[in-house]
Amino acid sequence: MQKCPDIFRASPQTSDSKDVDDFLEEFEEETVEKKRKVPEERTSRKRFCNSTPLKEPSSAEEEDAELLNSSHSSISSTEDMDEDEEIEGVAMFNARKYSRIQKKREIQENGNCGIDYGKAYIGHVIICGKEFLKIKFLERKPNDTYDRLKRDDVDDSVDVKYVFHGPIKLVGTTPYQIRGVNVAYKNYIKI
């Protein structure tokens, strides 16, 4: 039989075992101290967060946040909707976008937009010109619902400055229920 090299032979562990025991005791003491400090740190963070005033965002930051957070005033597709939204087929308005929309209108041909025509109406854009739009208005029904006109030959020319919101995507079946038209119109009149 061959002899094992000295490296693999067992050596007395008296000094090493004491070091390990000391290390374990110190480690346990440190973890207990850390656990005691954690609740204190949490409460101090809360106090700091509550006492620190928030920075006011600049106008550029507000516009970026609005663009990210806004729903673009419509429900883009029925696949993205919940069951309740799919049943109602509702397009929502976002009140924070009105002033920006008046500066930069988002009008598209074959799209829908909100129009000031003595009252708030929804119109389907047939032809989009620089100053005037050829519009086919949706028929206004009770309870903020709108329906397509029965006749195809009814259309009007409207000045672009009377558009107060757009584009609006109508989802679902007719009559379309669009919440917030009156609120959007009131905000448009204030501007």
N, C-alpha and C. Protein backbone atom coordinates (compact mmCIF):
# COMPACT_ATOMS: atom_id res chain seq x y z
N MET A 1 0.82 -1.19 0.00
CA MET A 1 0.00 0.00 0.00
C MET A 1 0.86 1.24 0.00
N GLN A 2 0.31 2.19 -0.70
CA GLN A 2 1.04 3.46 -0.76
C GLN A 2 0.61 4.34 0.39
N LYS A 3 1.48 5.18 0.78
CA LYS A 3 1.17 6.12 1.85
C LYS A 3 0.51 7.35 1.25
N CYS A 4 -0.43 7.93 2.00
CA CYS A 4 -1.08 9.18 1.56
C CYS A 4 -0.12 10.33 1.77
N PRO A 5 -0.16 11.27 0.87
CA PRO A 5 0.67 12.44 1.10
C PRO A 5 0.19 13.19 2.34
N ASP A 6 1.05 13.97 2.90
CA ASP A 6 0.76 14.70 4.13
C ASP A 6 -0.42 15.67 3.98
N ILE A 7 -0.67 16.12 2.79
CA ILE A 7 -1.74 17.10 2.58
C ILE A 7 -3.10 16.50 2.93
N PHE A 8 -3.28 15.21 2.63
CA PHE A 8 -4.58 14.58 2.82
C PHE A 8 -4.76 13.97 4.20
N ARG A 9 -3.76 13.98 4.99
CA ARG A 9 -3.88 13.38 6.33
C ARG A 9 -4.65 14.32 7.24
N ALA A 10 -5.39 13.71 8.14
CA ALA A 10 -6.15 14.49 9.11
C ALA A 10 -5.20 15.06 10.14
N SER A 11 -5.42 16.29 10.43
CA SER A 11 -4.58 16.94 11.43
C SER A 11 -5.47 17.36 12.58
N PRO A 12 -4.91 17.56 13.70
CA PRO A 12 -5.73 17.97 14.84
C PRO A 12 -6.39 19.32 14.56
N GLN A 13 -7.72 19.43 14.83
CA GLN A 13 -8.51 20.61 14.48
C GLN A 13 -8.81 21.48 15.69
N THR A 14 -8.08 21.38 16.69
CA THR A 14 -8.38 22.12 17.90
C THR A 14 -8.33 23.62 17.68
N SER A 15 -7.32 24.12 17.05
CA SER A 15 -7.21 25.57 16.85
C SER A 15 -8.21 26.04 15.80
N ASP A 16 -8.41 25.23 14.72
CA ASP A 16 -9.34 25.62 13.66
C ASP A 16 -10.78 25.62 14.15
N SER A 17 -11.15 24.66 14.95
CA SER A 17 -12.53 24.58 15.42
C SER A 17 -12.86 25.76 16.33
N LYS A 18 -11.91 26.24 17.08
CA LYS A 18 -12.14 27.42 17.92
C LYS A 18 -12.35 28.64 17.04
N ASP A 19 -11.57 28.76 15.98
CA ASP A 19 -11.73 29.90 15.07
C ASP A 19 -13.10 29.88 14.40
N VAL A 20 -13.54 28.70 14.00
CA VAL A 20 -14.85 28.58 13.35
C VAL A 20 -15.95 28.93 14.34
N ASP A 21 -15.84 28.44 15.57
CA ASP A 21 -16.85 28.76 16.58
C ASP A 21 -16.90 30.25 16.86
N ASP A 22 -15.74 30.88 16.96
CA ASP A 22 -15.69 32.32 17.18
C ASP A 22 -16.33 33.08 16.01
N PHE A 23 -16.01 32.62 14.80
CA PHE A 23 -16.56 33.28 13.61
C PHE A 23 -18.09 33.17 13.59
N LEU A 24 -18.62 31.98 13.92
CA LEU A 24 -20.06 31.78 13.92
C LEU A 24 -20.75 32.65 14.96
N GLU A 25 -20.15 32.77 16.14
CA GLU A 25 -20.72 33.62 17.18
C GLU A 25 -20.76 35.09 16.73
N GLU A 26 -19.67 35.57 16.12
CA GLU A 26 -19.63 36.95 15.64
C GLU A 26 -20.66 37.17 14.53
N PHE A 27 -20.78 36.17 13.65
CA PHE A 27 -21.72 36.29 12.55
C PHE A 27 -23.16 36.38 13.07
N GLU A 28 -23.49 35.53 14.07
CA GLU A 28 -24.83 35.57 14.65
C GLU A 28 -25.10 36.91 15.32
N GLU A 29 -24.12 37.46 16.01
CA GLU A 29 -24.29 38.76 16.66
C GLU A 29 -24.52 39.86 15.63
N GLU A 30 -23.78 39.81 14.52
CA GLU A 30 -23.94 40.83 13.47
C GLU A 30 -25.32 40.76 12.83
N THR A 31 -25.79 39.54 12.57
CA THR A 31 -27.11 39.42 11.94
C THR A 31 -28.22 39.88 12.87
N VAL A 32 -28.08 39.61 14.16
CA VAL A 32 -29.07 40.07 15.12
C VAL A 32 -29.08 41.59 15.16
N GLU A 33 -27.91 42.22 15.14
CA GLU A 33 -27.82 43.68 15.13
C GLU A 33 -28.43 44.27 13.86
N LYS A 34 -28.18 43.64 12.72
CA LYS A 34 -28.75 44.12 11.45
C LYS A 34 -30.27 44.04 11.47
N LYS A 35 -30.81 42.95 12.03
CA LYS A 35 -32.26 42.81 12.10
C LYS A 35 -32.87 43.88 12.98
N ARG A 36 -32.18 44.27 14.02
CA ARG A 36 -32.68 45.33 14.89
C ARG A 36 -32.65 46.68 14.18
N LYS A 37 -31.66 46.92 13.33
CA LYS A 37 -31.51 48.20 12.64
C LYS A 37 -32.49 48.35 11.47
N VAL A 38 -32.91 47.29 10.87
CA VAL A 38 -33.75 47.36 9.67
C VAL A 38 -35.06 48.11 9.92
N PRO A 39 -35.82 47.84 10.98
CA PRO A 39 -37.05 48.61 11.18
C PRO A 39 -36.78 50.10 11.37
N GLU A 40 -35.70 50.46 12.04
CA GLU A 40 -35.36 51.87 12.23
C GLU A 40 -35.08 52.53 10.89
N GLU A 41 -34.35 51.85 10.00
CA GLU A 41 -34.05 52.42 8.69
C GLU A 41 -35.31 52.60 7.87
N ARG A 42 -36.23 51.65 7.95
CA ARG A 42 -37.47 51.76 7.18
C ARG A 42 -38.28 52.97 7.62
N THR A 43 -38.40 53.18 8.92
CA THR A 43 -39.18 54.33 9.39
C THR A 43 -38.50 55.63 9.04
N SER A 44 -37.17 55.66 9.08
CA SER A 44 -36.48 56.90 8.72
C SER A 44 -36.64 57.20 7.24
N ARG A 45 -36.68 56.18 6.39
CA ARG A 45 -36.91 56.40 4.96
C ARG A 45 -38.30 56.98 4.72
N LYS A 46 -39.29 56.45 5.43
CA LYS A 46 -40.65 56.96 5.26
C LYS A 46 -40.73 58.42 5.66
N ARG A 47 -40.10 58.76 6.78
CA ARG A 47 -40.11 60.16 7.21
C ARG A 47 -39.43 61.04 6.19
N PHE A 48 -38.33 60.57 5.61
CA PHE A 48 -37.61 61.35 4.62
C PHE A 48 -38.47 61.56 3.37
N CYS A 49 -39.12 60.50 2.92
CA CYS A 49 -39.95 60.61 1.71
C CYS A 49 -41.13 61.54 1.94
N ASN A 50 -41.73 61.49 3.11
CA ASN A 50 -42.89 62.34 3.38
C ASN A 50 -42.50 63.79 3.58
N SER A 51 -41.29 64.03 4.08
CA SER A 51 -40.90 65.41 4.36
C SER A 51 -40.26 66.09 3.17
N THR A 52 -39.81 65.33 2.18
CA THR A 52 -39.15 65.92 1.03
C THR A 52 -40.18 66.37 0.01
N PRO A 53 -40.18 67.66 -0.36
CA PRO A 53 -41.14 68.11 -1.37
C PRO A 53 -40.74 67.59 -2.74
N LEU A 54 -41.75 67.28 -3.56
CA LEU A 54 -41.48 66.79 -4.90
C LEU A 54 -41.10 67.94 -5.81
N LYS A 55 -40.24 67.65 -6.75
CA LYS A 55 -39.80 68.65 -7.72
C LYS A 55 -40.93 68.90 -8.71
N GLU A 56 -41.20 70.16 -8.99
CA GLU A 56 -42.22 70.50 -9.98
C GLU A 56 -41.69 70.19 -11.36
N PRO A 57 -42.43 69.42 -12.18
CA PRO A 57 -41.94 69.10 -13.52
C PRO A 57 -42.03 70.31 -14.44
N SER A 58 -41.10 70.37 -15.37
CA SER A 58 -41.14 71.45 -16.35
C SER A 58 -42.21 71.15 -17.37
N SER A 59 -42.52 72.13 -18.21
CA SER A 59 -43.58 71.93 -19.19
C SER A 59 -43.23 70.83 -20.18
N ALA A 60 -41.96 70.71 -20.55
CA ALA A 60 -41.55 69.64 -21.47
C ALA A 60 -41.74 68.27 -20.82
N GLU A 61 -41.39 68.17 -19.52
CA GLU A 61 -41.58 66.91 -18.81
C GLU A 61 -43.05 66.57 -18.68
N GLU A 62 -43.90 67.59 -18.45
CA GLU A 62 -45.34 67.35 -18.35
C GLU A 62 -45.89 66.81 -19.65
N GLU A 63 -45.47 67.41 -20.77
CA GLU A 63 -45.95 66.95 -22.07
C GLU A 63 -45.52 65.51 -22.34
N ASP A 64 -44.25 65.19 -22.00
CA ASP A 64 -43.78 63.83 -22.19
C ASP A 64 -44.57 62.85 -21.33
N ALA A 65 -44.82 63.24 -20.08
CA ALA A 65 -45.58 62.37 -19.18
C ALA A 65 -47.01 62.19 -19.69
N GLU A 66 -47.60 63.28 -20.20
CA GLU A 66 -48.95 63.17 -20.74
C GLU A 66 -48.99 62.23 -21.93
N LEU A 67 -47.97 62.34 -22.78
CA LEU A 67 -47.94 61.46 -23.95
C LEU A 67 -47.81 60.00 -23.54
N LEU A 68 -47.00 59.74 -22.52
CA LEU A 68 -46.82 58.37 -22.07
C LEU A 68 -48.04 57.85 -21.34
N ASN A 69 -48.66 58.70 -20.51
CA ASN A 69 -49.75 58.24 -19.67
C ASN A 69 -51.11 58.33 -20.33
N SER A 70 -51.24 59.12 -21.36
CA SER A 70 -52.55 59.28 -21.97
C SER A 70 -52.94 58.04 -22.73
N SER A 71 -54.20 57.85 -22.82
CA SER A 71 -54.70 56.70 -23.56
C SER A 71 -54.91 57.04 -25.01
N HIS A 72 -54.46 58.18 -25.44
CA HIS A 72 -54.61 58.70 -26.81
C HIS A 72 -56.09 58.78 -27.17
N SER A 73 -56.90 59.00 -26.13
CA SER A 73 -58.33 59.24 -26.23
C SER A 73 -59.09 58.15 -26.98
N SER A 74 -58.56 56.97 -27.02
CA SER A 74 -59.28 55.92 -27.72
C SER A 74 -58.86 54.55 -27.23
N ILE A 75 -59.63 53.59 -27.61
CA ILE A 75 -59.28 52.21 -27.37
C ILE A 75 -58.84 51.67 -28.71
N SER A 76 -57.58 51.26 -28.82
CA SER A 76 -57.00 50.98 -30.12
C SER A 76 -57.55 49.72 -30.78
N SER A 77 -57.75 48.67 -30.05
CA SER A 77 -58.27 47.47 -30.68
C SER A 77 -59.05 46.66 -29.67
N THR A 78 -59.95 45.83 -30.15
CA THR A 78 -60.76 45.03 -29.25
C THR A 78 -59.96 43.94 -28.60
N GLU A 79 -58.79 43.58 -29.15
CA GLU A 79 -57.96 42.55 -28.55
C GLU A 79 -57.33 43.02 -27.25
N ASP A 80 -57.07 44.34 -27.11
CA ASP A 80 -56.42 44.88 -25.94
C ASP A 80 -57.40 45.18 -24.81
N MET A 81 -58.70 45.08 -25.07
CA MET A 81 -59.69 45.51 -24.10
C MET A 81 -60.07 44.38 -23.15
N ASP A 82 -60.53 44.77 -21.97
CA ASP A 82 -61.13 43.81 -21.04
C ASP A 82 -62.52 43.48 -21.56
N GLU A 83 -63.15 42.49 -20.92
CA GLU A 83 -64.49 42.11 -21.36
C GLU A 83 -65.48 43.24 -21.18
N ASP A 84 -65.40 43.97 -20.05
CA ASP A 84 -66.34 45.07 -19.80
C ASP A 84 -66.18 46.15 -20.86
N GLU A 85 -64.94 46.51 -21.17
CA GLU A 85 -64.70 47.55 -22.16
C GLU A 85 -65.17 47.10 -23.53
N GLU A 86 -64.99 45.83 -23.83
CA GLU A 86 -65.39 45.32 -25.14
C GLU A 86 -66.90 45.39 -25.30
N ILE A 87 -67.62 45.12 -24.23
CA ILE A 87 -69.08 45.17 -24.28
C ILE A 87 -69.55 46.61 -24.47
N GLU A 88 -68.95 47.55 -23.73
CA GLU A 88 -69.39 48.94 -23.83
C GLU A 88 -68.90 49.61 -25.11
N GLY A 89 -67.71 49.31 -25.57
CA GLY A 89 -67.17 49.95 -26.76
C GLY A 89 -67.05 51.45 -26.58
N VAL A 90 -66.37 51.89 -25.53
CA VAL A 90 -66.34 53.30 -25.16
C VAL A 90 -64.99 53.92 -25.50
N ALA A 91 -65.02 55.09 -26.13
CA ALA A 91 -63.78 55.85 -26.34
C ALA A 91 -63.74 56.95 -25.30
N MET A 92 -62.63 57.07 -24.59
CA MET A 92 -62.54 58.04 -23.49
C MET A 92 -61.72 59.25 -23.91
N PHE A 93 -62.06 60.39 -23.35
CA PHE A 93 -61.32 61.62 -23.58
C PHE A 93 -60.34 61.83 -22.44
N ASN A 94 -59.26 62.51 -22.72
CA ASN A 94 -58.26 62.82 -21.70
C ASN A 94 -58.19 64.34 -21.58
N ALA A 95 -58.66 64.88 -20.46
CA ALA A 95 -58.83 66.32 -20.30
C ALA A 95 -57.51 67.08 -20.36
N ARG A 96 -56.38 66.44 -20.05
CA ARG A 96 -55.10 67.15 -20.02
C ARG A 96 -54.58 67.48 -21.41
N LYS A 97 -55.12 66.86 -22.44
CA LYS A 97 -54.57 67.04 -23.78
C LYS A 97 -55.22 68.18 -24.56
N TYR A 98 -56.27 68.82 -24.05
CA TYR A 98 -57.02 69.76 -24.87
C TYR A 98 -56.20 70.94 -25.35
N SER A 99 -55.44 71.57 -24.46
CA SER A 99 -54.69 72.75 -24.88
C SER A 99 -53.63 72.38 -25.91
N ARG A 100 -52.98 71.23 -25.74
CA ARG A 100 -51.95 70.81 -26.69
C ARG A 100 -52.58 70.45 -28.03
N ILE A 101 -53.77 69.88 -28.02
CA ILE A 101 -54.43 69.52 -29.27
C ILE A 101 -54.80 70.76 -30.05
N GLN A 102 -55.18 71.83 -29.36
CA GLN A 102 -55.52 73.06 -30.06
C GLN A 102 -54.29 73.62 -30.77
N LYS A 103 -53.12 73.41 -30.22
CA LYS A 103 -51.90 73.89 -30.88
C LYS A 103 -51.52 72.97 -32.03
N LYS A 104 -51.67 71.69 -31.85
CA LYS A 104 -51.28 70.71 -32.88
C LYS A 104 -52.42 69.71 -33.02
N ARG A 105 -53.25 69.93 -33.99
CA ARG A 105 -54.39 69.04 -34.20
C ARG A 105 -53.92 67.74 -34.84
N GLU A 106 -54.53 66.68 -34.43
CA GLU A 106 -54.19 65.36 -34.94
C GLU A 106 -55.36 64.86 -35.78
N ILE A 107 -55.61 65.52 -36.90
CA ILE A 107 -56.75 65.20 -37.74
C ILE A 107 -56.29 64.30 -38.87
N GLN A 108 -57.05 63.24 -39.11
CA GLN A 108 -56.69 62.28 -40.15
C GLN A 108 -57.90 62.03 -41.05
N GLU A 109 -57.64 61.82 -42.34
CA GLU A 109 -58.72 61.44 -43.24
C GLU A 109 -59.24 60.06 -42.84
N ASN A 110 -60.53 59.87 -43.03
CA ASN A 110 -61.23 58.65 -42.63
C ASN A 110 -61.13 58.39 -41.13
N GLY A 111 -60.89 59.45 -40.37
CA GLY A 111 -60.88 59.37 -38.91
C GLY A 111 -62.04 60.17 -38.36
N ASN A 112 -62.20 60.15 -37.06
CA ASN A 112 -63.27 60.89 -36.40
C ASN A 112 -62.67 61.93 -35.48
N CYS A 113 -63.39 63.04 -35.28
CA CYS A 113 -62.90 64.08 -34.39
C CYS A 113 -64.08 64.80 -33.76
N GLY A 114 -63.81 65.48 -32.64
CA GLY A 114 -64.82 66.28 -31.96
C GLY A 114 -64.85 67.67 -32.57
N ILE A 115 -66.06 68.18 -32.87
CA ILE A 115 -66.20 69.46 -33.56
C ILE A 115 -67.16 70.36 -32.81
N ASP A 116 -66.80 71.64 -32.70
CA ASP A 116 -67.67 72.66 -32.12
C ASP A 116 -68.55 73.19 -33.25
N TYR A 117 -69.82 72.85 -33.20
CA TYR A 117 -70.76 73.28 -34.23
C TYR A 117 -72.00 73.82 -33.52
N GLY A 118 -71.76 74.75 -32.58
CA GLY A 118 -72.83 75.24 -31.71
C GLY A 118 -72.96 74.36 -30.48
N LYS A 119 -72.76 73.10 -30.63
CA LYS A 119 -72.69 72.10 -29.56
C LYS A 119 -71.53 71.18 -29.92
N ALA A 120 -71.26 70.24 -29.04
CA ALA A 120 -70.21 69.27 -29.33
C ALA A 120 -70.77 68.16 -30.21
N TYR A 121 -70.11 67.91 -31.32
CA TYR A 121 -70.51 66.85 -32.24
C TYR A 121 -69.29 66.01 -32.59
N ILE A 122 -69.56 64.80 -33.05
CA ILE A 122 -68.52 63.92 -33.56
C ILE A 122 -68.70 63.87 -35.07
N GLY A 123 -67.61 64.07 -35.79
CA GLY A 123 -67.68 64.05 -37.24
C GLY A 123 -66.67 63.10 -37.84
N HIS A 124 -67.02 62.52 -38.98
CA HIS A 124 -66.14 61.63 -39.73
C HIS A 124 -65.48 62.47 -40.83
N VAL A 125 -64.16 62.55 -40.84
CA VAL A 125 -63.43 63.37 -41.80
C VAL A 125 -63.38 62.64 -43.14
N ILE A 126 -63.94 63.28 -44.17
CA ILE A 126 -63.91 62.70 -45.51
C ILE A 126 -62.69 63.20 -46.27
N ILE A 127 -62.52 64.54 -46.29
CA ILE A 127 -61.37 65.15 -46.96
C ILE A 127 -60.73 66.12 -45.98
N CYS A 128 -59.42 66.05 -45.85
CA CYS A 128 -58.67 66.90 -44.92
C CYS A 128 -57.90 67.94 -45.73
N GLY A 129 -58.32 69.21 -45.64
CA GLY A 129 -57.62 70.29 -46.31
C GLY A 129 -56.80 71.09 -45.32
N LYS A 130 -56.13 72.16 -45.80
CA LYS A 130 -55.31 72.98 -44.91
C LYS A 130 -56.17 73.81 -43.97
N GLU A 131 -57.24 74.42 -44.50
CA GLU A 131 -58.07 75.30 -43.69
C GLU A 131 -59.46 74.73 -43.42
N PHE A 132 -59.95 73.89 -44.31
CA PHE A 132 -61.29 73.35 -44.16
C PHE A 132 -61.28 71.83 -44.25
N LEU A 133 -62.25 71.24 -43.56
CA LEU A 133 -62.44 69.80 -43.57
C LEU A 133 -63.81 69.48 -44.15
N LYS A 134 -63.88 68.46 -44.93
CA LYS A 134 -65.18 67.97 -45.38
C LYS A 134 -65.57 66.88 -44.40
N ILE A 135 -66.68 67.12 -43.69
CA ILE A 135 -67.07 66.29 -42.55
C ILE A 135 -68.45 65.70 -42.78
N LYS A 136 -68.61 64.47 -42.35
CA LYS A 136 -69.94 63.87 -42.26
C LYS A 136 -70.19 63.67 -40.76
N PHE A 137 -71.18 64.40 -40.24
CA PHE A 137 -71.46 64.35 -38.81
C PHE A 137 -72.20 63.06 -38.45
N LEU A 138 -71.88 62.56 -37.25
CA LEU A 138 -72.63 61.43 -36.71
C LEU A 138 -73.90 61.97 -36.07
N GLU A 139 -74.96 61.22 -36.14
CA GLU A 139 -76.23 61.66 -35.56
C GLU A 139 -76.15 61.56 -34.05
N ARG A 140 -76.52 62.66 -33.39
CA ARG A 140 -76.46 62.71 -31.94
C ARG A 140 -77.74 62.11 -31.36
N LYS A 141 -77.58 61.18 -30.43
CA LYS A 141 -78.71 60.51 -29.78
C LYS A 141 -78.62 60.77 -28.28
N PRO A 142 -79.65 60.40 -27.51
CA PRO A 142 -79.59 60.62 -26.05
C PRO A 142 -78.47 59.82 -25.39
N ASN A 143 -78.11 60.24 -24.20
CA ASN A 143 -77.11 59.56 -23.35
C ASN A 143 -75.73 59.50 -23.98
N ASP A 144 -75.29 60.58 -24.60
CA ASP A 144 -73.95 60.66 -25.20
C ASP A 144 -73.68 59.51 -26.17
N THR A 145 -74.65 59.17 -26.98
CA THR A 145 -74.44 58.15 -28.00
C THR A 145 -74.54 58.79 -29.38
N TYR A 146 -73.81 58.22 -30.31
CA TYR A 146 -73.75 58.75 -31.68
C TYR A 146 -73.92 57.59 -32.64
N ASP A 147 -74.61 57.88 -33.76
CA ASP A 147 -74.88 56.84 -34.75
C ASP A 147 -74.55 57.39 -36.14
N ARG A 148 -74.25 56.50 -37.07
CA ARG A 148 -74.00 56.91 -38.45
C ARG A 148 -75.29 57.44 -39.06
N LEU A 149 -75.16 58.45 -39.94
CA LEU A 149 -76.33 58.98 -40.62
C LEU A 149 -76.87 57.95 -41.61
N LYS A 150 -78.16 57.97 -41.79
CA LYS A 150 -78.78 57.03 -42.73
C LYS A 150 -78.46 57.41 -44.18
N ARG A 151 -78.35 58.72 -44.46
CA ARG A 151 -78.11 59.18 -45.83
C ARG A 151 -76.61 59.36 -46.06
N ASP A 152 -76.17 59.05 -47.25
CA ASP A 152 -74.75 59.17 -47.59
C ASP A 152 -74.37 60.55 -48.12
N ASP A 153 -75.34 61.32 -48.60
CA ASP A 153 -75.02 62.57 -49.27
C ASP A 153 -74.93 63.77 -48.34
N VAL A 154 -75.05 63.59 -47.03
CA VAL A 154 -75.02 64.70 -46.09
C VAL A 154 -73.58 64.91 -45.62
N ASP A 155 -72.98 66.03 -46.03
CA ASP A 155 -71.65 66.39 -45.54
C ASP A 155 -71.52 67.90 -45.52
N ASP A 156 -70.62 68.40 -44.67
CA ASP A 156 -70.42 69.84 -44.48
C ASP A 156 -68.95 70.16 -44.56
N SER A 157 -68.67 71.44 -44.88
CA SER A 157 -67.30 71.95 -44.79
C SER A 157 -67.17 72.69 -43.48
N VAL A 158 -66.15 72.36 -42.72
CA VAL A 158 -65.94 72.94 -41.40
C VAL A 158 -64.53 73.49 -41.34
N ASP A 159 -64.39 74.68 -40.72
CA ASP A 159 -63.07 75.27 -40.52
C ASP A 159 -62.29 74.42 -39.52
N VAL A 160 -61.01 74.25 -39.76
CA VAL A 160 -60.15 73.41 -38.91
C VAL A 160 -60.11 73.91 -37.48
N LYS A 161 -60.27 75.22 -37.26
CA LYS A 161 -60.17 75.77 -35.91
C LYS A 161 -61.30 75.31 -35.00
N TYR A 162 -62.37 74.75 -35.55
CA TYR A 162 -63.49 74.28 -34.73
C TYR A 162 -63.31 72.85 -34.24
N VAL A 163 -62.26 72.20 -34.63
CA VAL A 163 -61.98 70.85 -34.14
C VAL A 163 -61.41 70.98 -32.73
N PHE A 164 -62.07 70.37 -31.76
CA PHE A 164 -61.58 70.47 -30.39
C PHE A 164 -60.95 69.19 -29.89
N HIS A 165 -61.07 68.10 -30.62
CA HIS A 165 -60.42 66.87 -30.18
C HIS A 165 -60.33 65.89 -31.34
N GLY A 166 -59.21 65.23 -31.46
CA GLY A 166 -59.08 64.25 -32.52
C GLY A 166 -57.71 63.59 -32.46
N PRO A 167 -57.52 62.43 -33.01
CA PRO A 167 -58.56 61.57 -33.57
C PRO A 167 -59.29 60.79 -32.49
N ILE A 168 -60.50 60.38 -32.79
CA ILE A 168 -61.30 59.56 -31.90
C ILE A 168 -61.58 58.26 -32.64
N LYS A 169 -61.24 57.15 -32.02
CA LYS A 169 -61.54 55.84 -32.63
C LYS A 169 -62.82 55.31 -32.01
N LEU A 170 -63.74 54.96 -32.86
CA LEU A 170 -65.01 54.41 -32.40
C LEU A 170 -64.93 52.90 -32.46
N VAL A 171 -65.17 52.26 -31.32
CA VAL A 171 -65.04 50.81 -31.21
C VAL A 171 -66.39 50.23 -30.84
N GLY A 172 -66.70 49.11 -31.39
CA GLY A 172 -67.95 48.44 -31.04
C GLY A 172 -68.98 48.62 -32.13
N THR A 173 -70.23 48.38 -31.75
CA THR A 173 -71.32 48.50 -32.70
C THR A 173 -72.06 49.81 -32.48
N THR A 174 -72.84 50.22 -33.47
CA THR A 174 -73.61 51.46 -33.35
C THR A 174 -74.81 51.21 -32.46
N PRO A 175 -75.29 52.19 -31.75
CA PRO A 175 -74.75 53.53 -31.59
C PRO A 175 -73.52 53.52 -30.70
N TYR A 176 -72.55 54.37 -31.04
CA TYR A 176 -71.31 54.46 -30.28
C TYR A 176 -71.55 55.30 -29.04
N GLN A 177 -71.11 54.80 -27.90
CA GLN A 177 -71.21 55.58 -26.67
C GLN A 177 -69.85 56.19 -26.41
N ILE A 178 -69.80 57.51 -26.36
CA ILE A 178 -68.54 58.21 -26.14
C ILE A 178 -68.72 59.07 -24.90
N ARG A 179 -68.07 58.69 -23.83
CA ARG A 179 -68.15 59.45 -22.59
C ARG A 179 -67.20 60.62 -22.63
N GLY A 180 -67.58 61.72 -22.04
CA GLY A 180 -66.67 62.84 -21.88
C GLY A 180 -66.75 63.88 -22.97
N VAL A 181 -67.68 63.78 -23.90
CA VAL A 181 -67.76 64.77 -24.98
C VAL A 181 -68.11 66.13 -24.41
N ASN A 182 -69.08 66.18 -23.49
CA ASN A 182 -69.48 67.47 -22.92
C ASN A 182 -68.37 68.09 -22.09
N VAL A 183 -67.63 67.27 -21.35
CA VAL A 183 -66.50 67.78 -20.56
C VAL A 183 -65.42 68.32 -21.48
N ALA A 184 -65.14 67.60 -22.55
CA ALA A 184 -64.13 68.05 -23.51
C ALA A 184 -64.56 69.36 -24.15
N TYR A 185 -65.83 69.49 -24.46
CA TYR A 185 -66.34 70.70 -25.09
C TYR A 185 -66.24 71.89 -24.14
N LYS A 186 -66.56 71.68 -22.86
CA LYS A 186 -66.46 72.76 -21.87
C LYS A 186 -65.01 73.21 -21.72
N ASN A 187 -64.08 72.27 -21.69
CA ASN A 187 -62.66 72.63 -21.60
C ASN A 187 -62.20 73.37 -22.85
N TYR A 188 -62.73 73.01 -24.01
CA TYR A 188 -62.39 73.69 -25.26
C TYR A 188 -62.88 75.13 -25.23
N ILE A 189 -64.09 75.35 -24.71
CA ILE A 189 -64.64 76.71 -24.65
C ILE A 189 -63.83 77.58 -23.70
N LYS A 190 -63.30 77.01 -22.61
CA LYS A 190 -62.48 77.78 -21.66
C LYS A 190 -61.19 78.26 -22.29
N ILE A 191 -60.67 77.53 -23.25
CA ILE A 191 -59.42 77.90 -23.90
C ILE A 191 -59.71 79.05 -24.79
